[in-house]
Amino acid sequence: MVEMSSEDFEDAVSDALDQLPQEVIDRIDNVVVLVEDEPPAETPDLLGIYDGIPLTERDFMWAAGALPDRIVIYRNPTLRMCESRDEVVKEVLVTVVHEVAHYFGIDDDRLHELGWS
């Protein structure tokens, strides 16, 4: 397991978000990105999750009282699976891109085809 402070891990998530293309960032709206230590007990190896309604599934009523969508990046499973800080940074980037892609309606099969799974 790689040792990395919560602050350093959050910085890695922030850096990953900064690496997204500007045209992607410009289209993200009403989404909060969070870091949590552990995923739900039933999915202990989960690195991240998108919780919301993808853009491709929203209708005209969606915005009426909608809470922000959430992307959660899980710190400890990422640290457990990686062997170095550099690997953590790379895995965080992959996880952030993967979850942002879900926001845009891209499914796991397509992400796998694109090398982001």
PDB file of N, CA and C in Angstrom:
ATOM      1  N   MET A   1       0.849  -1.186   0.000  1.00  0.00           N
ATOM      2  CA  MET A   1       0.000   0.000   0.000  1.00  0.00           C
ATOM      3  C   MET A   1       0.891   1.245   0.000  1.00  0.00           C
ATOM      4  N   VAL A   2       0.548   2.182  -0.839  1.00  0.00           N
ATOM      5  CA  VAL A   2       1.272   3.442  -0.916  1.00  0.00           C
ATOM      6  C   VAL A   2       0.792   4.361   0.206  1.00  0.00           C
ATOM      7  N   GLU A   3       1.733   5.032   0.839  1.00  0.00           N
ATOM      8  CA  GLU A   3       1.382   6.024   1.846  1.00  0.00           C
ATOM      9  C   GLU A   3       1.222   7.381   1.156  1.00  0.00           C
ATOM     10  N   MET A   4       0.072   8.014   1.370  1.00  0.00           N
ATOM     11  CA  MET A   4      -0.186   9.340   0.807  1.00  0.00           C
ATOM     12  C   MET A   4      -1.214  10.015   1.689  1.00  0.00           C
ATOM     13  N   SER A   5      -0.920  11.223   2.098  1.00  0.00           N
ATOM     14  CA  SER A   5      -1.848  11.945   2.966  1.00  0.00           C
ATOM     15  C   SER A   5      -3.146  12.249   2.217  1.00  0.00           C
ATOM     16  N   SER A   6      -4.172  12.502   2.991  1.00  0.00           N
ATOM     17  CA  SER A   6      -5.456  12.884   2.391  1.00  0.00           C
ATOM     18  C   SER A   6      -5.300  14.135   1.538  1.00  0.00           C
ATOM     19  N   GLU A   7      -4.518  15.084   2.028  1.00  0.00           N
ATOM     20  CA  GLU A   7      -4.308  16.327   1.287  1.00  0.00           C
ATOM     21  C   GLU A   7      -3.597  16.072  -0.048  1.00  0.00           C
ATOM     22  N   ASP A   8      -2.561  15.229  -0.035  1.00  0.00           N
ATOM     23  CA  ASP A   8      -1.846  14.919  -1.274  1.00  0.00           C
ATOM     24  C   ASP A   8      -2.752  14.174  -2.258  1.00  0.00           C
ATOM     25  N   PHE A   9      -3.589  13.277  -1.737  1.00  0.00           N
ATOM     26  CA  PHE A   9      -4.506  12.549  -2.609  1.00  0.00           C
ATOM     27  C   PHE A   9      -5.525  13.510  -3.223  1.00  0.00           C
ATOM     28  N   GLU A  10      -6.058  14.405  -2.417  1.00  0.00           N
ATOM     29  CA  GLU A  10      -7.000  15.400  -2.937  1.00  0.00           C
ATOM     30  C   GLU A  10      -6.337  16.287  -3.984  1.00  0.00           C
ATOM     31  N   ASP A  11      -5.065  16.610  -3.783  1.00  0.00           N
ATOM     32  CA  ASP A  11      -4.326  17.365  -4.795  1.00  0.00           C
ATOM     33  C   ASP A  11      -4.211  16.571  -6.096  1.00  0.00           C
ATOM     34  N   ALA A  12      -4.008  15.260  -5.991  1.00  0.00           N
ATOM     35  CA  ALA A  12      -3.936  14.418  -7.191  1.00  0.00           C
ATOM     36  C   ALA A  12      -5.263  14.430  -7.940  1.00  0.00           C
ATOM     37  N   VAL A  13      -6.372  14.409  -7.203  1.00  0.00           N
ATOM     38  CA  VAL A  13      -7.698  14.487  -7.838  1.00  0.00           C
ATOM     39  C   VAL A  13      -7.871  15.846  -8.508  1.00  0.00           C
ATOM     40  N   SER A  14      -7.492  16.901  -7.826  1.00  0.00           N
ATOM     41  CA  SER A  14      -7.587  18.241  -8.390  1.00  0.00           C
ATOM     42  C   SER A  14      -6.725  18.371  -9.651  1.00  0.00           C
ATOM     43  N   ASP A  15      -5.521  17.828  -9.595  1.00  0.00           N
ATOM     44  CA  ASP A  15      -4.636  17.855 -10.762  1.00  0.00           C
ATOM     45  C   ASP A  15      -5.242  17.077 -11.927  1.00  0.00           C
ATOM     46  N   ALA A  16      -5.885  15.956 -11.632  1.00  0.00           N
ATOM     47  CA  ALA A  16      -6.534  15.166 -12.691  1.00  0.00           C
ATOM     48  C   ALA A  16      -7.659  15.970 -13.339  1.00  0.00           C
ATOM     49  N   LEU A  17      -8.436  16.660 -12.528  1.00  0.00           N
ATOM     50  CA  LEU A  17      -9.508  17.502 -13.083  1.00  0.00           C
ATOM     51  C   LEU A  17      -8.927  18.618 -13.950  1.00  0.00           C
ATOM     52  N   ASP A  18      -7.793  19.165 -13.529  1.00  0.00           N
ATOM     53  CA  ASP A  18      -7.147  20.226 -14.300  1.00  0.00           C
ATOM     54  C   ASP A  18      -6.637  19.737 -15.650  1.00  0.00           C
ATOM     55  N   GLN A  19      -6.430  18.438 -15.779  1.00  0.00           N
ATOM     56  CA  GLN A  19      -5.934  17.873 -17.040  1.00  0.00           C
ATOM     57  C   GLN A  19      -7.042  17.611 -18.059  1.00  0.00           C
ATOM     58  N   LEU A  20      -8.292  17.730 -17.637  1.00  0.00           N
ATOM     59  CA  LEU A  20      -9.393  17.536 -18.584  1.00  0.00           C
ATOM     60  C   LEU A  20      -9.364  18.657 -19.620  1.00  0.00           C
ATOM     61  N   PRO A  21      -9.710  18.336 -20.850  1.00  0.00           N
ATOM     62  CA  PRO A  21      -9.752  19.382 -21.877  1.00  0.00           C
ATOM     63  C   PRO A  21     -10.766  20.469 -21.512  1.00  0.00           C
ATOM     64  N   GLN A  22     -10.464  21.702 -21.870  1.00  0.00           N
ATOM     65  CA  GLN A  22     -11.323  22.832 -21.530  1.00  0.00           C
ATOM     66  C   GLN A  22     -12.745  22.637 -22.050  1.00  0.00           C
ATOM     67  N   GLU A  23     -12.894  22.056 -23.241  1.00  0.00           N
ATOM     68  CA  GLU A  23     -14.242  21.856 -23.790  1.00  0.00           C
ATOM     69  C   GLU A  23     -15.051  20.867 -22.951  1.00  0.00           C
ATOM     70  N   VAL A  24     -14.383  19.950 -22.277  1.00  0.00           N
ATOM     71  CA  VAL A  24     -15.075  19.036 -21.361  1.00  0.00           C
ATOM     72  C   VAL A  24     -15.473  19.794 -20.099  1.00  0.00           C
ATOM     73  N   ILE A  25     -14.532  20.529 -19.544  1.00  0.00           N
ATOM     74  CA  ILE A  25     -14.807  21.301 -18.326  1.00  0.00           C
ATOM     75  C   ILE A  25     -15.955  22.276 -18.547  1.00  0.00           C
ATOM     76  N   ASP A  26     -15.982  22.914 -19.713  1.00  0.00           N
ATOM     77  CA  ASP A  26     -17.031  23.886 -20.020  1.00  0.00           C
ATOM     78  C   ASP A  26     -18.420  23.260 -20.049  1.00  0.00           C
ATOM     79  N   ARG A  27     -18.508  21.963 -20.318  1.00  0.00           N
ATOM     80  CA  ARG A  27     -19.809  21.291 -20.407  1.00  0.00           C
ATOM     81  C   ARG A  27     -20.253  20.656 -19.096  1.00  0.00           C
ATOM     82  N   ILE A  28     -19.381  20.610 -18.115  1.00  0.00           N
ATOM     83  CA  ILE A  28     -19.740  20.037 -16.817  1.00  0.00           C
ATOM     84  C   ILE A  28     -20.480  21.095 -16.006  1.00  0.00           C
ATOM     85  N   ASP A  29     -21.661  20.729 -15.531  1.00  0.00           N
ATOM     86  CA  ASP A  29     -22.485  21.670 -14.781  1.00  0.00           C
ATOM     87  C   ASP A  29     -23.194  20.927 -13.656  1.00  0.00           C
ATOM     88  N   ASN A  30     -23.215  21.535 -12.486  1.00  0.00           N
ATOM     89  CA  ASN A  30     -23.942  20.999 -11.343  1.00  0.00           C
ATOM     90  C   ASN A  30     -23.406  19.620 -10.914  1.00  0.00           C
ATOM     91  N   VAL A  31     -22.073  19.530 -10.839  1.00  0.00           N
ATOM     92  CA  VAL A  31     -21.403  18.293 -10.418  1.00  0.00           C
ATOM     93  C   VAL A  31     -20.404  18.640  -9.320  1.00  0.00           C
ATOM     94  N   VAL A  32     -20.417  17.871  -8.262  1.00  0.00           N
ATOM     95  CA  VAL A  32     -19.444  18.028  -7.190  1.00  0.00           C
ATOM     96  C   VAL A  32     -18.536  16.794  -7.217  1.00  0.00           C
ATOM     97  N   VAL A  33     -17.240  17.022  -7.041  1.00  0.00           N
ATOM     98  CA  VAL A  33     -16.270  15.933  -6.977  1.00  0.00           C
ATOM     99  C   VAL A  33     -15.771  15.840  -5.545  1.00  0.00           C
ATOM    100  N   LEU A  34     -15.908  14.655  -4.983  1.00  0.00           N
ATOM    101  CA  LEU A  34     -15.552  14.420  -3.579  1.00  0.00           C
ATOM    102  C   LEU A  34     -14.499  13.324  -3.476  1.00  0.00           C
ATOM    103  N   VAL A  35     -13.748  13.352  -2.401  1.00  0.00           N
ATOM    104  CA  VAL A  35     -12.834  12.265  -2.068  1.00  0.00           C
ATOM    105  C   VAL A  35     -13.308  11.670  -0.754  1.00  0.00           C
ATOM    106  N   GLU A  36     -13.451  10.360  -0.738  1.00  0.00           N
ATOM    107  CA  GLU A  36     -13.784   9.639   0.485  1.00  0.00           C
ATOM    108  C   GLU A  36     -12.753   8.546   0.689  1.00  0.00           C
ATOM    109  N   ASP A  37     -12.555   8.149   1.923  1.00  0.00           N
ATOM    110  CA  ASP A  37     -11.540   7.133   2.208  1.00  0.00           C
ATOM    111  C   ASP A  37     -11.926   5.755   1.683  1.00  0.00           C
ATOM    112  N   GLU A  38     -13.142   5.332   1.949  1.00  0.00           N
ATOM    113  CA  GLU A  38     -13.556   3.968   1.605  1.00  0.00           C
ATOM    114  C   GLU A  38     -14.873   3.965   0.844  1.00  0.00           C
ATOM    115  N   PRO A  39     -15.014   3.036  -0.094  1.00  0.00           N
ATOM    116  CA  PRO A  39     -16.297   2.863  -0.785  1.00  0.00           C
ATOM    117  C   PRO A  39     -17.259   2.079   0.117  1.00  0.00           C
ATOM    118  N   PRO A  40     -18.494   1.908  -0.327  1.00  0.00           N
ATOM    119  CA  PRO A  40     -19.429   1.079   0.449  1.00  0.00           C
ATOM    120  C   PRO A  40     -18.854  -0.326   0.671  1.00  0.00           C
ATOM    121  N   ALA A  41     -19.204  -0.924   1.794  1.00  0.00           N
ATOM    122  CA  ALA A  41     -18.662  -2.230   2.195  1.00  0.00           C
ATOM    123  C   ALA A  41     -18.866  -3.307   1.138  1.00  0.00           C
ATOM    124  N   GLU A  42     -19.957  -3.214   0.382  1.00  0.00           N
ATOM    125  CA  GLU A  42     -20.237  -4.259  -0.609  1.00  0.00           C
ATOM    126  C   GLU A  42     -19.367  -4.140  -1.873  1.00  0.00           C
ATOM    127  N   THR A  43     -18.637  -3.033  -1.994  1.00  0.00           N
ATOM    128  CA  THR A  43     -17.749  -2.831  -3.149  1.00  0.00           C
ATOM    129  C   THR A  43     -16.388  -2.309  -2.672  1.00  0.00           C
ATOM    130  N   PRO A  44     -15.652  -3.123  -1.915  1.00  0.00           N
ATOM    131  CA  PRO A  44     -14.437  -2.632  -1.258  1.00  0.00           C
ATOM    132  C   PRO A  44     -13.301  -2.220  -2.201  1.00  0.00           C
ATOM    133  N   ASP A  45     -13.326  -2.677  -3.446  1.00  0.00           N
ATOM    134  CA  ASP A  45     -12.255  -2.349  -4.392  1.00  0.00           C
ATOM    135  C   ASP A  45     -12.636  -1.231  -5.353  1.00  0.00           C
ATOM    136  N   LEU A  46     -13.782  -0.626  -5.159  1.00  0.00           N
ATOM    137  CA  LEU A  46     -14.256   0.441  -6.040  1.00  0.00           C
ATOM    138  C   LEU A  46     -13.355   1.666  -5.897  1.00  0.00           C
ATOM    139  N   LEU A  47     -12.899   2.189  -7.028  1.00  0.00           N
ATOM    140  CA  LEU A  47     -12.001   3.349  -7.006  1.00  0.00           C
ATOM    141  C   LEU A  47     -12.743   4.659  -7.140  1.00  0.00           C
ATOM    142  N   GLY A  48     -13.903   4.627  -7.775  1.00  0.00           N
ATOM    143  CA  GLY A  48     -14.684   5.841  -7.948  1.00  0.00           C
ATOM    144  C   GLY A  48     -16.080   5.502  -8.414  1.00  0.00           C
ATOM    145  N   ILE A  49     -16.964   6.493  -8.306  1.00  0.00           N
ATOM    146  CA  ILE A  49     -18.337   6.283  -8.751  1.00  0.00           C
ATOM    147  C   ILE A  49     -18.944   7.613  -9.175  1.00  0.00           C
ATOM    148  N   TYR A  50     -19.768   7.530 -10.197  1.00  0.00           N
ATOM    149  CA  TYR A  50     -20.573   8.671 -10.618  1.00  0.00           C
ATOM    150  C   TYR A  50     -21.981   8.417 -10.112  1.00  0.00           C
ATOM    151  N   ASP A  51     -22.535   9.372  -9.388  1.00  0.00           N
ATOM    152  CA  ASP A  51     -23.880   9.261  -8.844  1.00  0.00           C
ATOM    153  C   ASP A  51     -24.691  10.437  -9.380  1.00  0.00           C
ATOM    154  N   GLY A  52     -25.539  10.156 -10.338  1.00  0.00           N
ATOM    155  CA  GLY A  52     -26.348  11.211 -10.926  1.00  0.00           C
ATOM    156  C   GLY A  52     -27.075  10.707 -12.159  1.00  0.00           C
ATOM    157  N   ILE A  53     -27.589  11.638 -12.909  1.00  0.00           N
ATOM    158  CA  ILE A  53     -28.285  11.316 -14.156  1.00  0.00           C
ATOM    159  C   ILE A  53     -27.409  11.804 -15.308  1.00  0.00           C
ATOM    160  N   PRO A  54     -26.901  10.870 -16.122  1.00  0.00           N
ATOM    161  CA  PRO A  54     -26.044  11.271 -17.240  1.00  0.00           C
ATOM    162  C   PRO A  54     -26.749  12.264 -18.170  1.00  0.00           C
ATOM    163  N   LEU A  55     -25.964  13.106 -18.793  1.00  0.00           N
ATOM    164  CA  LEU A  55     -26.530  14.100 -19.706  1.00  0.00           C
ATOM    165  C   LEU A  55     -27.418  13.460 -20.762  1.00  0.00           C
ATOM    166  N   THR A  56     -27.058  12.274 -21.222  1.00  0.00           N
ATOM    167  CA  THR A  56     -27.809  11.602 -22.285  1.00  0.00           C
ATOM    168  C   THR A  56     -29.169  11.095 -21.824  1.00  0.00           C
ATOM    169  N   GLU A  57     -29.428  11.101 -20.518  1.00  0.00           N
ATOM    170  CA  GLU A  57     -30.696  10.588 -19.997  1.00  0.00           C
ATOM    171  C   GLU A  57     -31.589  11.678 -19.402  1.00  0.00           C
ATOM    172  N   ARG A  58     -31.152  12.909 -19.496  1.00  0.00           N
ATOM    173  CA  ARG A  58     -31.933  14.004 -18.910  1.00  0.00           C
ATOM    174  C   ARG A  58     -33.011  14.475 -19.873  1.00  0.00           C
ATOM    175  N   ASP A  59     -34.148  14.816 -19.283  1.00  0.00           N
ATOM    176  CA  ASP A  59     -35.224  15.387 -20.093  1.00  0.00           C
ATOM    177  C   ASP A  59     -35.488  16.816 -19.627  1.00  0.00           C
ATOM    178  N   PHE A  60     -36.495  17.433 -20.162  1.00  0.00           N
ATOM    179  CA  PHE A  60     -36.770  18.837 -19.868  1.00  0.00           C
ATOM    180  C   PHE A  60     -37.125  19.077 -18.401  1.00  0.00           C
ATOM    181  N   MET A  61     -37.555  18.058 -17.677  1.00  0.00           N
ATOM    182  CA  MET A  61     -37.934  18.203 -16.268  1.00  0.00           C
ATOM    183  C   MET A  61     -36.755  17.987 -15.317  1.00  0.00           C
ATOM    184  N   TRP A  62     -35.621  17.570 -15.843  1.00  0.00           N
ATOM    185  CA  TRP A  62     -34.505  17.188 -14.981  1.00  0.00           C
ATOM    186  C   TRP A  62     -34.100  18.310 -14.022  1.00  0.00           C
ATOM    187  N   ALA A  63     -33.965  19.511 -14.481  1.00  0.00           N
ATOM    188  CA  ALA A  63     -33.403  20.595 -13.671  1.00  0.00           C
ATOM    189  C   ALA A  63     -34.333  21.075 -12.558  1.00  0.00           C
ATOM    190  N   ALA A  64     -35.568  20.685 -12.575  1.00  0.00           N
ATOM    191  CA  ALA A  64     -36.515  21.133 -11.562  1.00  0.00           C
ATOM    192  C   ALA A  64     -36.150  20.527 -10.206  1.00  0.00           C
ATOM    193  N   GLY A  65     -35.398  21.280  -9.429  1.00  0.00           N
ATOM    194  CA  GLY A  65     -35.035  20.832  -8.088  1.00  0.00           C
ATOM    195  C   GLY A  65     -33.926  19.801  -8.044  1.00  0.00           C
ATOM    196  N   ALA A  66     -33.163  19.658  -9.107  1.00  0.00           N
ATOM    197  CA  ALA A  66     -32.114  18.638  -9.143  1.00  0.00           C
ATOM    198  C   ALA A  66     -30.957  19.005  -8.220  1.00  0.00           C
ATOM    199  N   LEU A  67     -30.551  18.040  -7.418  1.00  0.00           N
ATOM    200  CA  LEU A  67     -29.352  18.193  -6.614  1.00  0.00           C
ATOM    201  C   LEU A  67     -28.136  18.005  -7.518  1.00  0.00           C
ATOM    202  N   PRO A  68     -26.979  18.475  -7.093  1.00  0.00           N
ATOM    203  CA  PRO A  68     -25.796  18.246  -7.925  1.00  0.00           C
ATOM    204  C   PRO A  68     -25.502  16.759  -8.087  1.00  0.00           C
ATOM    205  N   ASP A  69     -25.036  16.389  -9.271  1.00  0.00           N
ATOM    206  CA  ASP A  69     -24.503  15.045  -9.451  1.00  0.00           C
ATOM    207  C   ASP A  69     -23.225  14.965  -8.626  1.00  0.00           C
ATOM    208  N   ARG A  70     -22.818  13.731  -8.310  1.00  0.00           N
ATOM    209  CA  ARG A  70     -21.617  13.542  -7.495  1.00  0.00           C
ATOM    210  C   ARG A  70     -20.664  12.576  -8.183  1.00  0.00           C
ATOM    211  N   ILE A  71     -19.403  12.922  -8.138  1.00  0.00           N
ATOM    212  CA  ILE A  71     -18.347  11.987  -8.488  1.00  0.00           C
ATOM    213  C   ILE A  71     -17.544  11.801  -7.210  1.00  0.00           C
ATOM    214  N   VAL A  72     -17.395  10.546  -6.806  1.00  0.00           N
ATOM    215  CA  VAL A  72     -16.639  10.246  -5.596  1.00  0.00           C
ATOM    216  C   VAL A  72     -15.428   9.407  -5.994  1.00  0.00           C
ATOM    217  N   ILE A  73     -14.258   9.849  -5.556  1.00  0.00           N
ATOM    218  CA  ILE A  73     -13.025   9.108  -5.767  1.00  0.00           C
ATOM    219  C   ILE A  73     -12.610   8.539  -4.413  1.00  0.00           C
ATOM    220  N   TYR A  74     -12.366   7.225  -4.381  1.00  0.00           N
ATOM    221  CA  TYR A  74     -12.069   6.546  -3.117  1.00  0.00           C
ATOM    222  C   TYR A  74     -10.557   6.399  -2.927  1.00  0.00           C
ATOM    223  N   ARG A  75     -10.072   6.949  -1.851  1.00  0.00           N
ATOM    224  CA  ARG A  75      -8.639   7.032  -1.585  1.00  0.00           C
ATOM    225  C   ARG A  75      -8.000   5.686  -1.248  1.00  0.00           C
ATOM    226  N   ASN A  76      -8.501   5.004  -0.246  1.00  0.00           N
ATOM    227  CA  ASN A  76      -7.811   3.810   0.237  1.00  0.00           C
ATOM    228  C   ASN A  76      -7.733   2.667  -0.768  1.00  0.00           C
ATOM    229  N   PRO A  77      -8.783   2.348  -1.504  1.00  0.00           N
ATOM    230  CA  PRO A  77      -8.630   1.282  -2.501  1.00  0.00           C
ATOM    231  C   PRO A  77      -7.578   1.631  -3.562  1.00  0.00           C
ATOM    232  N   THR A  78      -7.509   2.909  -3.908  1.00  0.00           N
ATOM    233  CA  THR A  78      -6.506   3.335  -4.888  1.00  0.00           C
ATOM    234  C   THR A  78      -5.102   3.152  -4.311  1.00  0.00           C
ATOM    235  N   LEU A  79      -4.907   3.568  -3.066  1.00  0.00           N
ATOM    236  CA  LEU A  79      -3.600   3.421  -2.432  1.00  0.00           C
ATOM    237  C   LEU A  79      -3.229   1.954  -2.246  1.00  0.00           C
ATOM    238  N   ARG A  80      -4.223   1.109  -1.974  1.00  0.00           N
ATOM    239  CA  ARG A  80      -3.952  -0.324  -1.779  1.00  0.00           C
ATOM    240  C   ARG A  80      -3.521  -1.007  -3.073  1.00  0.00           C
ATOM    241  N   MET A  81      -4.075  -0.571  -4.200  1.00  0.00           N
ATOM    242  CA  MET A  81      -3.783  -1.276  -5.455  1.00  0.00           C
ATOM    243  C   MET A  81      -2.514  -0.793  -6.131  1.00  0.00           C
ATOM    244  N   CYS A  82      -2.010   0.362  -5.749  1.00  0.00           N
ATOM    245  CA  CYS A  82      -0.858   0.954  -6.419  1.00  0.00           C
ATOM    246  C   CYS A  82       0.438   0.660  -5.657  1.00  0.00           C
ATOM    247  N   GLU A  83       1.550   0.703  -6.396  1.00  0.00           N
ATOM    248  CA  GLU A  83       2.849   0.406  -5.803  1.00  0.00           C
ATOM    249  C   GLU A  83       3.740   1.631  -5.680  1.00  0.00           C
ATOM    250  N   SER A  84       3.311   2.771  -6.216  1.00  0.00           N
ATOM    251  CA  SER A  84       4.110   3.988  -6.110  1.00  0.00           C
ATOM    252  C   SER A  84       3.196   5.207  -6.183  1.00  0.00           C
ATOM    253  N   ARG A  85       3.732   6.347  -5.774  1.00  0.00           N
ATOM    254  CA  ARG A  85       2.961   7.601  -5.860  1.00  0.00           C
ATOM    255  C   ARG A  85       2.640   7.933  -7.315  1.00  0.00           C
ATOM    256  N   ASP A  86       3.592   7.687  -8.206  1.00  0.00           N
ATOM    257  CA  ASP A  86       3.336   7.951  -9.631  1.00  0.00           C
ATOM    258  C   ASP A  86       2.182   7.105 -10.147  1.00  0.00           C
ATOM    259  N   GLU A  87       2.133   5.860  -9.713  1.00  0.00           N
ATOM    260  CA  GLU A  87       1.040   4.981 -10.121  1.00  0.00           C
ATOM    261  C   GLU A  87      -0.292   5.478  -9.551  1.00  0.00           C
ATOM    262  N   VAL A  88      -0.279   5.988  -8.322  1.00  0.00           N
ATOM    263  CA  VAL A  88      -1.491   6.560  -7.726  1.00  0.00           C
ATOM    264  C   VAL A  88      -1.982   7.722  -8.574  1.00  0.00           C
ATOM    265  N   VAL A  89      -1.090   8.615  -8.945  1.00  0.00           N
ATOM    266  CA  VAL A  89      -1.458   9.785  -9.744  1.00  0.00           C
ATOM    267  C   VAL A  89      -2.064   9.353 -11.082  1.00  0.00           C
ATOM    268  N   LYS A  90      -1.468   8.357 -11.722  1.00  0.00           N
ATOM    269  CA  LYS A  90      -1.997   7.857 -13.001  1.00  0.00           C
ATOM    270  C   LYS A  90      -3.366   7.213 -12.811  1.00  0.00           C
ATOM    271  N   GLU A  91      -3.503   6.422 -11.744  1.00  0.00           N
ATOM    272  CA  GLU A  91      -4.787   5.748 -11.490  1.00  0.00           C
ATOM    273  C   GLU A  91      -5.877   6.747 -11.145  1.00  0.00           C
ATOM    274  N   VAL A  92      -5.545   7.784 -10.409  1.00  0.00           N
ATOM    275  CA  VAL A  92      -6.513   8.836 -10.093  1.00  0.00           C
ATOM    276  C   VAL A  92      -6.984   9.500 -11.384  1.00  0.00           C
ATOM    277  N   LEU A  93      -6.065   9.788 -12.295  1.00  0.00           N
ATOM    278  CA  LEU A  93      -6.452  10.392 -13.578  1.00  0.00           C
ATOM    279  C   LEU A  93      -7.404   9.478 -14.340  1.00  0.00           C
ATOM    280  N   VAL A  94      -7.073   8.204 -14.429  1.00  0.00           N
ATOM    281  CA  VAL A  94      -7.944   7.255 -15.130  1.00  0.00           C
ATOM    282  C   VAL A  94      -9.316   7.213 -14.474  1.00  0.00           C
ATOM    283  N   THR A  95      -9.353   7.184 -13.144  1.00  0.00           N
ATOM    284  CA  THR A  95     -10.628   7.113 -12.425  1.00  0.00           C
ATOM    285  C   THR A  95     -11.447   8.373 -12.631  1.00  0.00           C
ATOM    286  N   VAL A  96     -10.811   9.533 -12.555  1.00  0.00           N
ATOM    287  CA  VAL A  96     -11.529  10.789 -12.764  1.00  0.00           C
ATOM    288  C   VAL A  96     -12.097  10.843 -14.182  1.00  0.00           C
ATOM    289  N   VAL A  97     -11.283  10.526 -15.180  1.00  0.00           N
ATOM    290  CA  VAL A  97     -11.770  10.529 -16.569  1.00  0.00           C
ATOM    291  C   VAL A  97     -12.923   9.551 -16.726  1.00  0.00           C
ATOM    292  N   HIS A  98     -12.787   8.366 -16.141  1.00  0.00           N
ATOM    293  CA  HIS A  98     -13.821   7.334 -16.217  1.00  0.00           C
ATOM    294  C   HIS A  98     -15.154   7.843 -15.657  1.00  0.00           C
ATOM    295  N   GLU A  99     -15.112   8.455 -14.479  1.00  0.00           N
ATOM    296  CA  GLU A  99     -16.354   8.912 -13.847  1.00  0.00           C
ATOM    297  C   GLU A  99     -16.934  10.134 -14.558  1.00  0.00           C
ATOM    298  N   VAL A 100     -16.092  11.034 -15.024  1.00  0.00           N
ATOM    299  CA  VAL A 100     -16.591  12.172 -15.813  1.00  0.00           C
ATOM    300  C   VAL A 100     -17.249  11.660 -17.096  1.00  0.00           C
ATOM    301  N   ALA A 101     -16.677  10.642 -17.688  1.00  0.00           N
ATOM    302  CA  ALA A 101     -17.273  10.061 -18.901  1.00  0.00           C
ATOM    303  C   ALA A 101     -18.675   9.526 -18.618  1.00  0.00           C
ATOM    304  N   HIS A 102     -18.882   8.930 -17.449  1.00  0.00           N
ATOM    305  CA  HIS A 102     -20.232   8.469 -17.090  1.00  0.00           C
ATOM    306  C   HIS A 102     -21.213   9.643 -17.026  1.00  0.00           C
ATOM    307  N   TYR A 103     -20.758  10.777 -16.535  1.00  0.00           N
ATOM    308  CA  TYR A 103     -21.594  11.981 -16.515  1.00  0.00           C
ATOM    309  C   TYR A 103     -22.074  12.321 -17.927  1.00  0.00           C
ATOM    310  N   PHE A 104     -21.197  12.122 -18.895  1.00  0.00           N
ATOM    311  CA  PHE A 104     -21.550  12.404 -20.291  1.00  0.00           C
ATOM    312  C   PHE A 104     -22.307  11.257 -20.964  1.00  0.00           C
ATOM    313  N   GLY A 105     -22.555  10.184 -20.218  1.00  0.00           N
ATOM    314  CA  GLY A 105     -23.357   9.084 -20.755  1.00  0.00           C
ATOM    315  C   GLY A 105     -22.558   7.992 -21.432  1.00  0.00           C
ATOM    316  N   ILE A 106     -21.249   7.985 -21.262  1.00  0.00           N
ATOM    317  CA  ILE A 106     -20.414   6.947 -21.865  1.00  0.00           C
ATOM    318  C   ILE A 106     -20.389   5.752 -20.917  1.00  0.00           C
ATOM    319  N   ASP A 107     -20.739   4.567 -21.435  1.00  0.00           N
ATOM    320  CA  ASP A 107     -20.840   3.391 -20.571  1.00  0.00           C
ATOM    321  C   ASP A 107     -19.495   2.665 -20.440  1.00  0.00           C
ATOM    322  N   ASP A 108     -19.458   1.687 -19.531  1.00  0.00           N
ATOM    323  CA  ASP A 108     -18.226   0.962 -19.234  1.00  0.00           C
ATOM    324  C   ASP A 108     -17.659   0.238 -20.447  1.00  0.00           C
ATOM    325  N   ASP A 109     -18.518  -0.343 -21.283  1.00  0.00           N
ATOM    326  CA  ASP A 109     -18.028  -1.051 -22.469  1.00  0.00           C
ATOM    327  C   ASP A 109     -17.263  -0.105 -23.389  1.00  0.00           C
ATOM    328  N   ARG A 110     -17.824   1.075 -23.625  1.00  0.00           N
ATOM    329  CA  ARG A 110     -17.162   2.049 -24.493  1.00  0.00           C
ATOM    330  C   ARG A 110     -15.870   2.562 -23.836  1.00  0.00           C
ATOM    331  N   LEU A 111     -15.899   2.794 -22.548  1.00  0.00           N
ATOM    332  CA  LEU A 111     -14.695   3.236 -21.842  1.00  0.00           C
ATOM    333  C   LEU A 111     -13.600   2.191 -21.938  1.00  0.00           C
ATOM    334  N   HIS A 112     -13.983   0.922 -21.852  1.00  0.00           N
ATOM    335  CA  HIS A 112     -13.005  -0.153 -21.997  1.00  0.00           C
ATOM    336  C   HIS A 112     -12.385  -0.124 -23.402  1.00  0.00           C
ATOM    337  N   GLU A 113     -13.226   0.051 -24.415  1.00  0.00           N
ATOM    338  CA  GLU A 113     -12.736   0.155 -25.791  1.00  0.00           C
ATOM    339  C   GLU A 113     -11.741   1.307 -25.943  1.00  0.00           C
ATOM    340  N   LEU A 114     -11.990   2.398 -25.234  1.00  0.00           N
ATOM    341  CA  LEU A 114     -11.153   3.581 -25.329  1.00  0.00           C
ATOM    342  C   LEU A 114      -9.928   3.528 -24.415  1.00  0.00           C
ATOM    343  N   GLY A 115      -9.841   2.483 -23.569  1.00  0.00           N
ATOM    344  CA  GLY A 115      -8.703   2.334 -22.667  1.00  0.00           C
ATOM    345  C   GLY A 115      -8.824   3.100 -21.367  1.00  0.00           C
ATOM    346  N   TRP A 116     -10.022   3.465 -20.977  1.00  0.00           N
ATOM    347  CA  TRP A 116     -10.239   4.224 -19.742  1.00  0.00           C
ATOM    348  C   TRP A 116     -11.019   3.431 -18.712  1.00  0.00           C
ATOM    349  N   SER A 117     -10.797   2.154 -18.640  1.00  0.00           N
ATOM    350  CA  SER A 117     -11.534   1.370 -17.636  1.00  0.00           C
ATOM    351  C   SER A 117     -10.616   0.809 -16.588  1.00  0.00           C
TER     352      SER A 117
END
